[in-house]
Amino acid sequence: MSDTSDDSIEITFSVKFLGRVEVVRPDGQQILDEALQSLKSKTTDKYSSEKAAKKSKVHIFLSVSGIDILENKTKFLLYTCPLSTVSFCAVLSSFPKVFGFVAKHPVADTYHCYLFQSKKFGHVLVSIIGDTFRATNNEESDRRGRDLLVEALRHKNKMLQKENAELKRRLAAQMN
């Protein structure tokens, strides 16, 4: 990578996409288990419209801006989740090759669980998503801290300008 800006750093994994399920809570291992059970029940229905999408190979692009899920062959963007909407990420304890994350829908007030299967990278990807999430939160808190510092300095500057103007006025009054 020639551009070393943090925004341009992406990590890519190729995994099997098991599906996306709307969930009732934003976090918890139980939510992942329930989402997997829901997907399993959908795949047993031979008329399910999502059956064809099950276990399709996808690329997961992870960056500080979010998680993008692209279909392997067409590179069609299936889903994009800003990292700020991700509330939970874990490997399923009952199925160590399955991992997922929960993200809030950007418009609707709902949560979706995205589930994937990987023979080797599940734990690694969950760890990287967690690290990226923490780094993003640290950057945001650093930005907020810098913003507060800048605002405090602006306020101090205004106070010093007023004091300076007052001192100039007094000096001018004493000279006359």
N, C-alpha and C. Protein backbone atom coordinates (compact mmCIF):
# COMPACT_ATOMS: atom_id res chain seq x y z
N MET A 1 0.84 -1.19 0.00
CA MET A 1 0.00 0.00 0.00
C MET A 1 0.88 1.24 0.00
N SER A 2 0.66 2.10 -0.93
CA SER A 2 1.47 3.31 -0.99
C SER A 2 0.90 4.41 -0.11
N ASP A 3 -0.39 4.46 0.04
CA ASP A 3 -1.03 5.47 0.89
C ASP A 3 -1.14 4.90 2.29
N THR A 4 -0.51 5.56 3.26
CA THR A 4 -0.49 5.02 4.62
C THR A 4 -1.54 5.65 5.51
N SER A 5 -2.48 6.35 4.95
CA SER A 5 -3.57 6.93 5.73
C SER A 5 -4.38 5.81 6.38
N ASP A 6 -4.75 5.97 7.66
CA ASP A 6 -5.51 4.95 8.36
C ASP A 6 -6.83 4.63 7.68
N ASP A 7 -7.43 5.61 6.99
CA ASP A 7 -8.71 5.39 6.32
C ASP A 7 -8.57 4.44 5.15
N SER A 8 -7.37 4.32 4.56
CA SER A 8 -7.20 3.51 3.37
C SER A 8 -6.82 2.07 3.69
N ILE A 9 -6.53 1.76 4.95
CA ILE A 9 -6.12 0.41 5.31
C ILE A 9 -7.36 -0.49 5.34
N GLU A 10 -7.28 -1.58 4.57
CA GLU A 10 -8.37 -2.55 4.52
C GLU A 10 -7.81 -3.94 4.74
N ILE A 11 -8.58 -4.76 5.41
CA ILE A 11 -8.23 -6.17 5.58
C ILE A 11 -9.33 -6.95 4.88
N THR A 12 -8.93 -7.94 4.09
CA THR A 12 -9.89 -8.70 3.32
C THR A 12 -9.82 -10.18 3.69
N PHE A 13 -10.98 -10.78 3.87
CA PHE A 13 -11.09 -12.21 4.13
C PHE A 13 -12.11 -12.79 3.17
N SER A 14 -11.83 -13.99 2.72
CA SER A 14 -12.78 -14.72 1.89
C SER A 14 -13.40 -15.81 2.77
N VAL A 15 -14.74 -15.76 2.91
CA VAL A 15 -15.45 -16.69 3.78
C VAL A 15 -16.77 -17.10 3.12
N LYS A 16 -17.45 -18.05 3.73
CA LYS A 16 -18.79 -18.43 3.27
C LYS A 16 -19.81 -17.60 4.03
N PHE A 17 -20.74 -17.02 3.30
CA PHE A 17 -21.79 -16.21 3.92
C PHE A 17 -22.99 -17.11 4.16
N LEU A 18 -23.37 -17.24 5.43
CA LEU A 18 -24.50 -18.09 5.77
C LEU A 18 -25.82 -17.33 5.68
N GLY A 19 -25.77 -16.01 5.91
CA GLY A 19 -26.98 -15.22 5.79
C GLY A 19 -27.06 -14.09 6.79
N ARG A 20 -28.14 -13.35 6.65
CA ARG A 20 -28.44 -12.21 7.52
C ARG A 20 -29.83 -12.41 8.08
N VAL A 21 -29.96 -12.17 9.39
CA VAL A 21 -31.22 -12.37 10.08
C VAL A 21 -31.50 -11.16 10.95
N GLU A 22 -32.75 -10.69 10.94
CA GLU A 22 -33.13 -9.63 11.87
C GLU A 22 -33.21 -10.23 13.26
N VAL A 23 -32.63 -9.51 14.24
CA VAL A 23 -32.61 -9.99 15.63
C VAL A 23 -33.23 -8.94 16.54
N VAL A 24 -33.60 -9.39 17.74
CA VAL A 24 -34.32 -8.50 18.66
C VAL A 24 -33.42 -7.71 19.59
N ARG A 25 -32.18 -8.18 19.80
CA ARG A 25 -31.26 -7.49 20.70
C ARG A 25 -29.95 -7.19 19.98
N PRO A 26 -29.22 -6.19 20.44
CA PRO A 26 -27.99 -5.80 19.75
C PRO A 26 -26.77 -6.63 20.10
N ASP A 27 -26.85 -7.50 21.10
CA ASP A 27 -25.64 -8.23 21.46
C ASP A 27 -25.94 -9.52 22.19
N GLY A 28 -24.91 -10.33 22.35
CA GLY A 28 -25.02 -11.56 23.12
C GLY A 28 -24.80 -12.79 22.27
N GLN A 29 -24.10 -13.74 22.86
CA GLN A 29 -23.82 -15.01 22.19
C GLN A 29 -25.13 -15.71 21.82
N GLN A 30 -26.14 -15.57 22.67
CA GLN A 30 -27.42 -16.23 22.41
C GLN A 30 -28.06 -15.70 21.12
N ILE A 31 -27.86 -14.42 20.83
CA ILE A 31 -28.41 -13.84 19.60
C ILE A 31 -27.81 -14.53 18.38
N LEU A 32 -26.50 -14.80 18.42
CA LEU A 32 -25.86 -15.48 17.30
C LEU A 32 -26.40 -16.89 17.15
N ASP A 33 -26.57 -17.60 18.27
CA ASP A 33 -27.12 -18.96 18.23
C ASP A 33 -28.53 -18.96 17.65
N GLU A 34 -29.36 -18.02 18.10
CA GLU A 34 -30.74 -17.95 17.61
C GLU A 34 -30.77 -17.59 16.12
N ALA A 35 -29.87 -16.71 15.70
CA ALA A 35 -29.81 -16.33 14.28
C ALA A 35 -29.42 -17.54 13.43
N LEU A 36 -28.46 -18.33 13.90
CA LEU A 36 -28.06 -19.53 13.16
C LEU A 36 -29.22 -20.52 13.08
N GLN A 37 -29.94 -20.70 14.17
CA GLN A 37 -31.10 -21.61 14.16
C GLN A 37 -32.16 -21.11 13.18
N SER A 38 -32.36 -19.80 13.15
CA SER A 38 -33.32 -19.22 12.23
C SER A 38 -32.90 -19.47 10.78
N LEU A 39 -31.62 -19.32 10.50
CA LEU A 39 -31.12 -19.59 9.14
C LEU A 39 -31.27 -21.05 8.78
N LYS A 40 -31.00 -21.92 9.72
CA LYS A 40 -31.14 -23.35 9.46
C LYS A 40 -32.59 -23.71 9.14
N SER A 41 -33.53 -23.10 9.85
CA SER A 41 -34.93 -23.39 9.58
C SER A 41 -35.36 -22.85 8.22
N LYS A 42 -34.77 -21.74 7.80
CA LYS A 42 -35.09 -21.20 6.47
C LYS A 42 -34.56 -22.09 5.36
N THR A 43 -33.37 -22.69 5.56
CA THR A 43 -32.79 -23.51 4.50
C THR A 43 -33.51 -24.83 4.35
N THR A 44 -34.24 -25.26 5.37
CA THR A 44 -35.00 -26.50 5.23
C THR A 44 -36.25 -26.27 4.38
N ASP A 45 -36.67 -25.01 4.26
CA ASP A 45 -37.82 -24.67 3.41
C ASP A 45 -37.33 -24.59 1.97
N LYS A 46 -37.73 -25.55 1.13
CA LYS A 46 -37.19 -25.58 -0.23
C LYS A 46 -37.70 -24.42 -1.09
N TYR A 47 -38.68 -23.68 -0.62
CA TYR A 47 -39.19 -22.55 -1.38
C TYR A 47 -38.63 -21.21 -0.90
N SER A 48 -37.69 -21.27 0.03
CA SER A 48 -37.11 -20.03 0.58
C SER A 48 -36.35 -19.28 -0.50
N SER A 49 -36.65 -17.99 -0.60
CA SER A 49 -35.98 -17.17 -1.62
C SER A 49 -34.52 -16.92 -1.28
N GLU A 50 -34.16 -17.05 0.01
CA GLU A 50 -32.79 -16.81 0.42
C GLU A 50 -31.94 -18.07 0.34
N LYS A 51 -32.54 -19.20 -0.01
CA LYS A 51 -31.80 -20.46 -0.01
C LYS A 51 -30.61 -20.40 -0.95
N ALA A 52 -30.78 -19.77 -2.09
CA ALA A 52 -29.70 -19.69 -3.07
C ALA A 52 -28.52 -18.89 -2.54
N ALA A 53 -28.79 -17.95 -1.66
CA ALA A 53 -27.73 -17.10 -1.13
C ALA A 53 -26.95 -17.79 -0.01
N LYS A 54 -27.47 -18.87 0.54
CA LYS A 54 -26.82 -19.53 1.65
C LYS A 54 -25.48 -20.11 1.21
N LYS A 55 -24.52 -19.98 2.09
CA LYS A 55 -23.20 -20.54 1.91
C LYS A 55 -22.53 -20.09 0.62
N SER A 56 -22.86 -18.89 0.15
CA SER A 56 -22.15 -18.37 -1.00
C SER A 56 -20.86 -17.74 -0.52
N LYS A 57 -19.84 -17.84 -1.33
CA LYS A 57 -18.54 -17.28 -0.96
C LYS A 57 -18.59 -15.77 -1.11
N VAL A 58 -18.07 -15.07 -0.10
CA VAL A 58 -18.04 -13.61 -0.12
C VAL A 58 -16.67 -13.12 0.33
N HIS A 59 -16.43 -11.87 0.05
CA HIS A 59 -15.24 -11.18 0.56
C HIS A 59 -15.72 -10.20 1.61
N ILE A 60 -15.07 -10.22 2.76
CA ILE A 60 -15.35 -9.25 3.82
C ILE A 60 -14.21 -8.24 3.79
N PHE A 61 -14.55 -6.98 3.56
CA PHE A 61 -13.58 -5.90 3.60
C PHE A 61 -13.78 -5.15 4.91
N LEU A 62 -12.74 -5.12 5.73
CA LEU A 62 -12.81 -4.46 7.02
C LEU A 62 -11.88 -3.26 7.02
N SER A 63 -12.42 -2.11 7.36
CA SER A 63 -11.62 -0.89 7.49
C SER A 63 -12.17 -0.09 8.66
N VAL A 64 -11.52 1.02 8.99
CA VAL A 64 -12.01 1.82 10.11
C VAL A 64 -13.36 2.45 9.78
N SER A 65 -13.72 2.50 8.51
CA SER A 65 -15.02 3.07 8.18
C SER A 65 -16.15 2.05 8.28
N GLY A 66 -15.82 0.74 8.15
CA GLY A 66 -16.89 -0.23 8.28
C GLY A 66 -16.55 -1.60 7.74
N ILE A 67 -17.59 -2.42 7.62
CA ILE A 67 -17.48 -3.77 7.10
C ILE A 67 -18.31 -3.85 5.83
N ASP A 68 -17.67 -4.22 4.73
CA ASP A 68 -18.37 -4.40 3.46
C ASP A 68 -18.35 -5.88 3.11
N ILE A 69 -19.49 -6.37 2.64
CA ILE A 69 -19.62 -7.77 2.25
C ILE A 69 -19.91 -7.80 0.76
N LEU A 70 -18.98 -8.37 -0.01
CA LEU A 70 -19.11 -8.42 -1.47
C LEU A 70 -19.23 -9.86 -1.94
N GLU A 71 -20.10 -10.08 -2.90
CA GLU A 71 -20.26 -11.39 -3.50
C GLU A 71 -18.96 -11.73 -4.22
N ASN A 72 -18.51 -12.96 -4.11
CA ASN A 72 -17.20 -13.36 -4.61
C ASN A 72 -17.05 -13.20 -6.12
N LYS A 73 -17.95 -13.75 -6.89
CA LYS A 73 -17.78 -13.77 -8.35
C LYS A 73 -18.05 -12.43 -8.99
N THR A 74 -19.13 -11.79 -8.62
CA THR A 74 -19.53 -10.54 -9.29
C THR A 74 -18.96 -9.30 -8.64
N LYS A 75 -18.45 -9.44 -7.41
CA LYS A 75 -17.96 -8.31 -6.59
C LYS A 75 -19.08 -7.31 -6.29
N PHE A 76 -20.31 -7.79 -6.38
CA PHE A 76 -21.48 -6.98 -6.07
C PHE A 76 -21.54 -6.76 -4.56
N LEU A 77 -21.75 -5.51 -4.15
CA LEU A 77 -21.83 -5.18 -2.73
C LEU A 77 -23.17 -5.67 -2.18
N LEU A 78 -23.10 -6.66 -1.31
CA LEU A 78 -24.32 -7.20 -0.71
C LEU A 78 -24.77 -6.35 0.47
N TYR A 79 -23.84 -6.04 1.37
CA TYR A 79 -24.16 -5.27 2.56
C TYR A 79 -22.97 -4.41 2.94
N THR A 80 -23.26 -3.27 3.54
CA THR A 80 -22.23 -2.44 4.13
C THR A 80 -22.70 -2.02 5.51
N CYS A 81 -21.81 -2.15 6.47
CA CYS A 81 -22.15 -1.82 7.86
C CYS A 81 -21.09 -0.87 8.41
N PRO A 82 -21.45 0.40 8.62
CA PRO A 82 -20.48 1.30 9.27
C PRO A 82 -20.07 0.70 10.62
N LEU A 83 -18.81 0.82 10.95
CA LEU A 83 -18.31 0.21 12.18
C LEU A 83 -19.04 0.74 13.41
N SER A 84 -19.51 1.98 13.33
CA SER A 84 -20.23 2.55 14.48
C SER A 84 -21.57 1.85 14.74
N THR A 85 -22.09 1.10 13.74
CA THR A 85 -23.36 0.40 13.93
C THR A 85 -23.18 -1.01 14.47
N VAL A 86 -21.94 -1.51 14.47
CA VAL A 86 -21.68 -2.87 14.94
C VAL A 86 -21.69 -2.88 16.46
N SER A 87 -22.53 -3.75 17.03
CA SER A 87 -22.67 -3.79 18.49
C SER A 87 -22.12 -5.06 19.12
N PHE A 88 -21.89 -6.10 18.32
CA PHE A 88 -21.43 -7.37 18.88
C PHE A 88 -20.79 -8.20 17.79
N CYS A 89 -19.75 -8.94 18.15
CA CYS A 89 -19.07 -9.81 17.20
C CYS A 89 -18.48 -10.98 17.99
N ALA A 90 -18.68 -12.21 17.51
CA ALA A 90 -18.15 -13.37 18.23
C ALA A 90 -18.15 -14.60 17.35
N VAL A 91 -17.41 -15.59 17.81
CA VAL A 91 -17.44 -16.93 17.22
C VAL A 91 -18.49 -17.70 18.00
N LEU A 92 -19.30 -18.49 17.31
CA LEU A 92 -20.31 -19.29 18.01
C LEU A 92 -19.63 -20.37 18.82
N SER A 93 -19.97 -20.47 20.08
CA SER A 93 -19.33 -21.47 20.95
C SER A 93 -19.71 -22.89 20.52
N SER A 94 -20.91 -23.06 20.02
CA SER A 94 -21.37 -24.39 19.61
C SER A 94 -20.84 -24.81 18.24
N PHE A 95 -20.45 -23.84 17.41
CA PHE A 95 -19.91 -24.11 16.08
C PHE A 95 -18.67 -23.22 15.88
N PRO A 96 -17.48 -23.68 16.25
CA PRO A 96 -16.29 -22.83 16.22
C PRO A 96 -15.89 -22.31 14.84
N LYS A 97 -16.42 -22.89 13.78
CA LYS A 97 -16.11 -22.40 12.43
C LYS A 97 -17.07 -21.30 11.98
N VAL A 98 -18.10 -21.03 12.80
CA VAL A 98 -19.10 -20.02 12.46
C VAL A 98 -18.89 -18.80 13.34
N PHE A 99 -18.91 -17.64 12.72
CA PHE A 99 -18.81 -16.39 13.47
C PHE A 99 -19.79 -15.40 12.88
N GLY A 100 -20.06 -14.36 13.63
CA GLY A 100 -20.98 -13.36 13.14
C GLY A 100 -20.87 -12.06 13.90
N PHE A 101 -21.58 -11.08 13.38
CA PHE A 101 -21.65 -9.80 14.08
C PHE A 101 -23.05 -9.25 13.96
N VAL A 102 -23.40 -8.38 14.90
CA VAL A 102 -24.71 -7.74 14.91
C VAL A 102 -24.49 -6.26 14.64
N ALA A 103 -25.29 -5.71 13.74
CA ALA A 103 -25.19 -4.29 13.41
C ALA A 103 -26.59 -3.70 13.33
N LYS A 104 -26.67 -2.44 13.71
CA LYS A 104 -27.95 -1.72 13.64
C LYS A 104 -28.16 -1.26 12.21
N HIS A 105 -29.38 -1.40 11.74
CA HIS A 105 -29.71 -0.92 10.40
C HIS A 105 -29.54 0.60 10.39
N PRO A 106 -28.92 1.17 9.35
CA PRO A 106 -28.66 2.61 9.36
C PRO A 106 -29.90 3.50 9.34
N VAL A 107 -31.02 2.99 8.85
CA VAL A 107 -32.24 3.80 8.77
C VAL A 107 -33.31 3.30 9.72
N ALA A 108 -33.61 2.03 9.65
CA ALA A 108 -34.66 1.46 10.51
C ALA A 108 -34.09 1.21 11.90
N ASP A 109 -34.96 1.14 12.88
CA ASP A 109 -34.53 0.90 14.25
C ASP A 109 -34.53 -0.61 14.51
N THR A 110 -33.75 -1.35 13.69
CA THR A 110 -33.67 -2.80 13.82
C THR A 110 -32.21 -3.23 13.82
N TYR A 111 -31.98 -4.45 14.28
CA TYR A 111 -30.64 -5.03 14.29
C TYR A 111 -30.64 -6.26 13.41
N HIS A 112 -29.51 -6.48 12.73
CA HIS A 112 -29.35 -7.66 11.89
C HIS A 112 -28.08 -8.40 12.31
N CYS A 113 -28.17 -9.71 12.28
CA CYS A 113 -27.02 -10.55 12.56
C CYS A 113 -26.53 -11.12 11.24
N TYR A 114 -25.25 -10.97 10.99
CA TYR A 114 -24.60 -11.48 9.77
C TYR A 114 -23.75 -12.67 10.19
N LEU A 115 -23.98 -13.81 9.57
CA LEU A 115 -23.27 -15.03 9.95
C LEU A 115 -22.41 -15.55 8.81
N PHE A 116 -21.23 -16.04 9.18
CA PHE A 116 -20.24 -16.52 8.21
C PHE A 116 -19.63 -17.82 8.70
N GLN A 117 -19.04 -18.55 7.75
CA GLN A 117 -18.33 -19.76 8.11
C GLN A 117 -16.93 -19.68 7.53
N SER A 118 -15.94 -20.04 8.36
CA SER A 118 -14.56 -20.05 7.91
C SER A 118 -13.83 -21.18 8.63
N LYS A 119 -13.07 -21.94 7.88
CA LYS A 119 -12.36 -23.06 8.48
C LYS A 119 -11.25 -22.59 9.40
N LYS A 120 -10.60 -21.47 9.05
CA LYS A 120 -9.42 -21.06 9.79
C LYS A 120 -9.52 -19.68 10.42
N PHE A 121 -10.25 -18.76 9.81
CA PHE A 121 -10.10 -17.35 10.16
C PHE A 121 -11.16 -16.77 11.08
N GLY A 122 -12.11 -17.54 11.55
CA GLY A 122 -13.19 -17.00 12.36
C GLY A 122 -12.71 -16.23 13.57
N HIS A 123 -11.86 -16.86 14.39
CA HIS A 123 -11.35 -16.20 15.60
C HIS A 123 -10.51 -14.97 15.24
N VAL A 124 -9.71 -15.10 14.18
CA VAL A 124 -8.85 -13.99 13.76
C VAL A 124 -9.71 -12.80 13.33
N LEU A 125 -10.71 -13.06 12.50
CA LEU A 125 -11.55 -11.98 12.01
C LEU A 125 -12.33 -11.31 13.13
N VAL A 126 -12.85 -12.08 14.06
CA VAL A 126 -13.56 -11.51 15.20
C VAL A 126 -12.62 -10.63 16.02
N SER A 127 -11.41 -11.09 16.22
CA SER A 127 -10.42 -10.31 16.96
C SER A 127 -10.09 -9.01 16.23
N ILE A 128 -9.92 -9.09 14.91
CA ILE A 128 -9.59 -7.90 14.12
C ILE A 128 -10.75 -6.91 14.12
N ILE A 129 -11.99 -7.41 14.00
CA ILE A 129 -13.15 -6.52 14.05
C ILE A 129 -13.19 -5.81 15.40
N GLY A 130 -12.96 -6.56 16.48
CA GLY A 130 -12.94 -5.97 17.81
C GLY A 130 -11.85 -4.92 17.95
N ASP A 131 -10.65 -5.23 17.46
CA ASP A 131 -9.54 -4.27 17.54
C ASP A 131 -9.85 -3.02 16.73
N THR A 132 -10.40 -3.21 15.54
CA THR A 132 -10.74 -2.06 14.69
C THR A 132 -11.82 -1.21 15.35
N PHE A 133 -12.81 -1.86 15.95
CA PHE A 133 -13.87 -1.14 16.64
C PHE A 133 -13.30 -0.32 17.79
N ARG A 134 -12.41 -0.93 18.59
CA ARG A 134 -11.79 -0.21 19.70
C ARG A 134 -10.94 0.95 19.19
N ALA A 135 -10.19 0.72 18.11
CA ALA A 135 -9.36 1.79 17.55
C ALA A 135 -10.22 2.94 17.05
N THR A 136 -11.34 2.62 16.41
CA THR A 136 -12.26 3.65 15.92
C THR A 136 -12.83 4.44 17.07
N ASN A 137 -13.24 3.74 18.13
CA ASN A 137 -13.78 4.43 19.30
C ASN A 137 -12.73 5.30 19.95
N ASN A 138 -11.48 4.82 20.01
CA ASN A 138 -10.40 5.64 20.56
C ASN A 138 -10.16 6.87 19.72
N GLU A 139 -10.19 6.71 18.38
CA GLU A 139 -10.02 7.86 17.49
C GLU A 139 -11.13 8.86 17.69
N GLU A 140 -12.37 8.36 17.81
CA GLU A 140 -13.50 9.27 18.02
C GLU A 140 -13.38 9.99 19.35
N SER A 141 -12.95 9.26 20.40
CA SER A 141 -12.81 9.92 21.69
C SER A 141 -11.63 10.90 21.65
N ASP A 142 -10.56 10.55 20.91
CA ASP A 142 -9.45 11.50 20.74
C ASP A 142 -9.93 12.74 20.00
N ARG A 143 -10.76 12.54 18.95
CA ARG A 143 -11.30 13.67 18.19
C ARG A 143 -12.16 14.55 19.07
N ARG A 144 -13.02 13.90 19.88
CA ARG A 144 -13.87 14.68 20.79
C ARG A 144 -13.01 15.44 21.78
N GLY A 145 -11.95 14.80 22.28
CA GLY A 145 -11.04 15.46 23.21
C GLY A 145 -10.35 16.65 22.56
N ARG A 146 -9.91 16.45 21.31
CA ARG A 146 -9.27 17.56 20.57
C ARG A 146 -10.27 18.66 20.32
N ASP A 147 -11.50 18.31 19.98
CA ASP A 147 -12.53 19.33 19.74
C ASP A 147 -12.79 20.14 21.00
N LEU A 148 -12.85 19.45 22.14
CA LEU A 148 -13.06 20.16 23.40
C LEU A 148 -11.87 21.06 23.72
N LEU A 149 -10.66 20.58 23.44
CA LEU A 149 -9.47 21.38 23.68
C LEU A 149 -9.46 22.62 22.79
N VAL A 150 -9.81 22.43 21.51
CA VAL A 150 -9.87 23.56 20.57
C VAL A 150 -10.92 24.57 21.04
N GLU A 151 -12.06 24.08 21.47
CA GLU A 151 -13.12 24.97 21.94
C GLU A 151 -12.67 25.73 23.20
N ALA A 152 -11.98 25.05 24.09
CA ALA A 152 -11.47 25.70 25.30
C ALA A 152 -10.45 26.77 24.93
N LEU A 153 -9.57 26.47 23.98
CA LEU A 153 -8.58 27.45 23.55
C LEU A 153 -9.24 28.65 22.87
N ARG A 154 -10.28 28.41 22.08
CA ARG A 154 -11.01 29.53 21.46
C ARG A 154 -11.62 30.43 22.53
N HIS A 155 -12.23 29.80 23.52
CA HIS A 155 -12.84 30.57 24.61
C HIS A 155 -11.78 31.38 25.35
N LYS A 156 -10.65 30.74 25.65
CA LYS A 156 -9.55 31.45 26.34
C LYS A 156 -9.04 32.60 25.48
N ASN A 157 -8.94 32.39 24.17
CA ASN A 157 -8.50 33.43 23.24
C ASN A 157 -9.46 34.62 23.28
N LYS A 158 -10.78 34.35 23.27
CA LYS A 158 -11.76 35.44 23.34
C LYS A 158 -11.62 36.21 24.64
N MET A 159 -11.43 35.49 25.74
CA MET A 159 -11.28 36.15 27.05
C MET A 159 -10.03 37.03 27.07
N LEU A 160 -8.93 36.53 26.50
CA LEU A 160 -7.69 37.31 26.45
C LEU A 160 -7.83 38.53 25.54
N GLN A 161 -8.58 38.37 24.44
CA GLN A 161 -8.82 39.52 23.55
C GLN A 161 -9.62 40.59 24.27
N LYS A 162 -10.64 40.18 25.03
CA LYS A 162 -11.43 41.15 25.79
C LYS A 162 -10.55 41.83 26.84
N GLU A 163 -9.73 41.05 27.54
CA GLU A 163 -8.85 41.62 28.54
C GLU A 163 -7.86 42.59 27.90
N ASN A 164 -7.32 42.23 26.76
CA ASN A 164 -6.39 43.08 26.03
C ASN A 164 -7.06 44.39 25.63
N ALA A 165 -8.29 44.30 25.12
CA ALA A 165 -9.03 45.50 24.72
C ALA A 165 -9.28 46.39 25.93
N GLU A 166 -9.63 45.80 27.07
CA GLU A 166 -9.85 46.56 28.30
C GLU A 166 -8.57 47.25 28.76
N LEU A 167 -7.46 46.54 28.71
CA LEU A 167 -6.17 47.13 29.10
C LEU A 167 -5.77 48.27 28.17
N LYS A 168 -6.02 48.11 26.87
CA LYS A 168 -5.73 49.18 25.91
C LYS A 168 -6.58 50.41 26.21
N ARG A 169 -7.86 50.16 26.54
CA ARG A 169 -8.76 51.26 26.87
C ARG A 169 -8.26 52.01 28.11
N ARG A 170 -7.86 51.28 29.14
CA ARG A 170 -7.35 51.91 30.36
C ARG A 170 -6.06 52.69 30.09
N LEU A 171 -5.18 52.12 29.28
CA LEU A 171 -3.92 52.78 28.96
C LEU A 171 -4.20 54.09 28.21
N ALA A 172 -5.14 54.02 27.25
CA ALA A 172 -5.49 55.21 26.49
C ALA A 172 -6.10 56.27 27.42
N ALA A 173 -6.91 55.83 28.39
CA ALA A 173 -7.53 56.76 29.34
C ALA A 173 -6.48 57.42 30.24
N GLN A 174 -5.47 56.69 30.64
CA GLN A 174 -4.41 57.24 31.49
C GLN A 174 -3.50 58.21 30.73
N MET A 175 -3.33 57.98 29.46
CA MET A 175 -2.46 58.84 28.65
C MET A 175 -3.14 60.18 28.37
N ASN A 176 -4.45 60.19 28.38
CA ASN A 176 -5.16 61.45 28.10
C ASN A 176 -5.36 62.25 29.31
